[in-house]
Each structure stands twice: as structure tokens, then as C-alpha cells.
Protein backbone atom coordinates (compact mmCIF):
# COMPACT_ATOMS: atom_id res chain seq x y z
CA MET A 1 16.53 12.61 4.47
CA ASP A 2 14.13 13.72 7.04
CA ASN A 3 10.83 12.56 5.13
CA LEU A 4 9.43 9.20 5.76
CA PHE A 5 7.37 7.68 2.80
CA ALA A 6 5.21 4.70 2.88
CA VAL A 7 4.46 2.57 0.02
CA ILE A 8 1.56 0.27 0.80
CA GLY A 9 0.61 -2.56 -1.62
CA LEU A 10 -2.86 -3.57 -1.25
CA GLY A 11 -3.32 -7.59 -1.61
CA ASN A 12 -4.95 -10.87 0.60
CA PRO A 13 -2.75 -12.83 2.25
CA GLY A 14 -2.02 -16.43 1.73
CA ASP A 15 -1.12 -18.92 -1.16
CA LYS A 16 -4.70 -18.87 -2.54
CA TYR A 17 -4.32 -15.23 -3.58
CA ARG A 18 -0.94 -15.40 -4.72
CA ASN A 19 -0.17 -14.12 -8.42
CA THR A 20 -3.73 -12.93 -8.88
CA ARG A 21 -4.57 -9.73 -10.31
CA HIS A 22 -6.19 -8.66 -6.92
CA ASN A 23 -2.67 -8.94 -5.51
CA VAL A 24 -0.92 -6.59 -7.60
CA GLY A 25 -0.20 -4.33 -4.77
CA PHE A 26 1.75 -7.12 -2.85
CA ASP A 27 3.50 -7.89 -6.22
CA THR A 28 4.68 -4.24 -6.52
CA ILE A 29 5.82 -4.31 -2.92
CA ASP A 30 7.77 -7.52 -3.85
CA LEU A 31 9.51 -5.66 -6.69
CA LEU A 32 10.35 -2.82 -5.05
CA SER A 33 11.64 -4.87 -1.95
CA SER A 34 13.93 -6.84 -4.44
CA GLN A 35 15.09 -3.85 -6.37
CA TYR A 36 16.19 -1.87 -3.16
CA SER A 37 17.13 -4.60 -0.90
CA ILE A 38 14.60 -3.99 1.58
CA SER A 39 13.47 -7.20 3.50
CA VAL A 40 9.76 -6.77 3.84
CA SER A 41 9.58 -9.41 7.00
CA LYS A 42 8.39 -7.55 10.26
CA LEU A 43 5.21 -8.38 11.41
CA LYS A 44 3.64 -5.14 13.10
CA HIS A 45 0.47 -3.03 12.87
CA LYS A 46 -1.28 -6.16 11.33
CA ALA A 47 1.14 -5.73 8.32
CA LEU A 48 4.69 -6.95 6.91
CA ILE A 49 6.96 -3.93 6.97
CA GLY A 50 10.22 -3.34 5.40
CA ASP A 51 12.31 -0.16 6.16
CA GLY A 52 14.88 1.09 3.85
CA ILE A 53 16.22 3.86 1.33
CA ILE A 54 14.44 4.40 -1.73
CA GLN A 55 16.25 7.33 -4.00
CA GLY A 56 17.80 9.12 -0.88
CA GLU A 57 14.55 9.01 1.21
CA ARG A 58 13.43 6.69 4.27
CA ALA A 59 10.69 4.44 2.93
CA LEU A 60 8.53 1.74 4.62
CA LEU A 61 7.33 -0.99 2.32
CA ILE A 62 4.22 -2.31 3.41
CA LYS A 63 1.82 -5.34 2.83
CA PRO A 64 -1.28 -5.04 5.04
CA GLN A 65 -2.04 -8.77 6.45
CA THR A 66 -5.68 -7.95 7.14
CA PHE A 67 -7.87 -9.09 4.16
CA MET A 68 -8.56 -6.53 1.43
CA ASN A 69 -11.70 -5.38 2.94
CA ALA A 70 -10.16 -4.59 6.27
CA SER A 71 -6.89 -2.68 4.75
CA GLY A 72 -7.74 0.44 6.28
CA GLU A 73 -7.31 -0.71 9.93
CA SER A 74 -3.67 -1.44 9.04
CA VAL A 75 -3.12 1.42 7.13
CA ARG A 76 -4.50 3.78 9.88
CA GLU A 77 -2.45 2.19 12.50
CA ILE A 78 0.61 2.80 10.65
CA ILE A 79 0.39 6.16 9.64
CA SER A 80 -0.59 7.27 13.13
CA TRP A 81 2.14 5.27 14.94
CA TYR A 82 5.15 6.57 12.44
CA LYS A 83 3.20 9.89 12.10
CA ILE A 84 3.65 10.07 8.28
CA PRO A 85 1.67 12.85 6.32
CA LEU A 86 -0.77 11.65 4.09
CA SER A 87 1.11 13.44 0.95
CA ASN A 88 4.10 10.91 1.81
CA VAL A 89 1.34 7.84 1.62
CA ILE A 90 1.44 6.02 -1.61
CA ILE A 91 -1.35 3.18 -2.26
CA VAL A 92 -0.74 0.62 -5.00
CA TYR A 93 -3.73 -1.44 -5.51
CA ASP A 94 -5.51 -3.28 -8.42
CA ASP A 95 -8.14 -1.74 -10.51
CA ILE A 96 -10.40 -4.25 -12.61
CA ASP A 97 -11.50 -1.22 -14.94
CA LEU A 98 -7.93 -0.85 -16.48
CA GLU A 99 -6.39 -3.05 -19.12
CA VAL A 100 -3.59 -5.35 -18.11
CA GLY A 101 -0.44 -3.62 -17.79
CA LYS A 102 -1.86 -0.29 -17.71
CA LEU A 103 -1.67 1.85 -14.58
CA ARG A 104 -3.38 5.08 -13.44
CA LEU A 105 -1.82 7.77 -10.79
CA ARG A 106 -4.07 9.91 -9.06
CA PRO A 107 -3.24 12.65 -5.92
CA LYS A 108 -6.63 11.87 -4.14
CA GLY A 109 -10.02 10.51 -4.74
CA SER A 110 -12.66 8.00 -3.98
CA GLY A 111 -12.32 4.66 -3.23
CA GLY A 112 -14.71 3.88 -6.37
CA THR A 113 -15.66 0.33 -5.98
CA HIS A 114 -12.68 -1.00 -4.59
CA ASN A 115 -13.26 -2.43 -1.09
CA GLY A 116 -9.69 -2.05 0.16
CA MET A 117 -9.68 1.63 -0.73
CA ARG A 118 -13.16 2.01 0.67
CA SER A 119 -11.78 0.68 4.11
CA ILE A 120 -8.85 3.05 3.87
CA LEU A 121 -11.03 6.11 3.40
CA TYR A 122 -13.23 5.14 6.04
CA GLN A 123 -10.59 4.62 8.58
CA LEU A 124 -8.50 7.66 7.60
CA ASN A 125 -11.66 9.72 7.10
CA GLU A 126 -9.27 11.59 4.24
CA ASP A 127 -8.75 10.96 0.69
CA THR A 128 -5.66 13.59 0.15
CA PHE A 129 -3.29 10.75 -0.61
CA PRO A 130 -1.74 9.70 -3.72
CA ARG A 131 -2.72 6.12 -5.25
CA ILE A 132 -1.54 4.10 -8.01
CA ARG A 133 -4.01 2.06 -9.85
CA ILE A 134 -3.00 -1.00 -11.89
């Protein structure tokens, strides 16, 4: 258990965006939090963070609290602070081009039209991290 993983769900903070398709990343983190009994309540690096164990590995569950378009600021700070290799970072976000209930896994790539992913790619200057589009 010497690897640290970060599962980062993108969304917008606040009640206005709760239960919207754009917040599916936050919803995914909430589901994992519940399933693995990891409290995502520590406010650090412009994000709510939970630290726990998932399938024998240490994992951070992360919900950036910047708005979607500035998600990269929080993600960059977290990756830098915890020294997480990009191969251990998983970004979960919505994809308007996918049918509801479908998901797409990619090991790397562009942000397409998604402003949260564009922000992350800009801040990291790198695209070699896995992502799950829902």
C-alpha cells in the first residue's frame, strides 16, 4: 500500500448545481465516499478531500470547490502537494456527447469542449492521466 491515488470528481459547488448532469463528478465522489466510508469533508487546496482505503490502496477522494472553469488550480495544488504521479490521478466528469448512463474511459487526451478539463490540462501542462467521462 505505498501508492497514493487521487479520484477527482468535477462539478460546481452550491445547491444551485446539486443533482445536475454537470455535477456527475461530485456525485461519483459521493457514491465512492459512501461505499468505502471515506468522509470527504476536509477543506484543503480549494477542494473537499477525503483520505481512505479503496481496494487495499490509499486513495484521496476530491471535489474541487472552485467553479468548473477553474478546476485546474485545485487539481494542480493537490497533485503537487501530495506528489501524486499523474498515472494515479483519475478525473471523473460529465460528457454532454454521451447518452445518459454511458461512460467512456480514456488513458489520456484532450479536454475537448469541457472547460473543467481544459483548465486541468492548462494547469498541469500534461494530458497523460486517466479520465472517466460519464
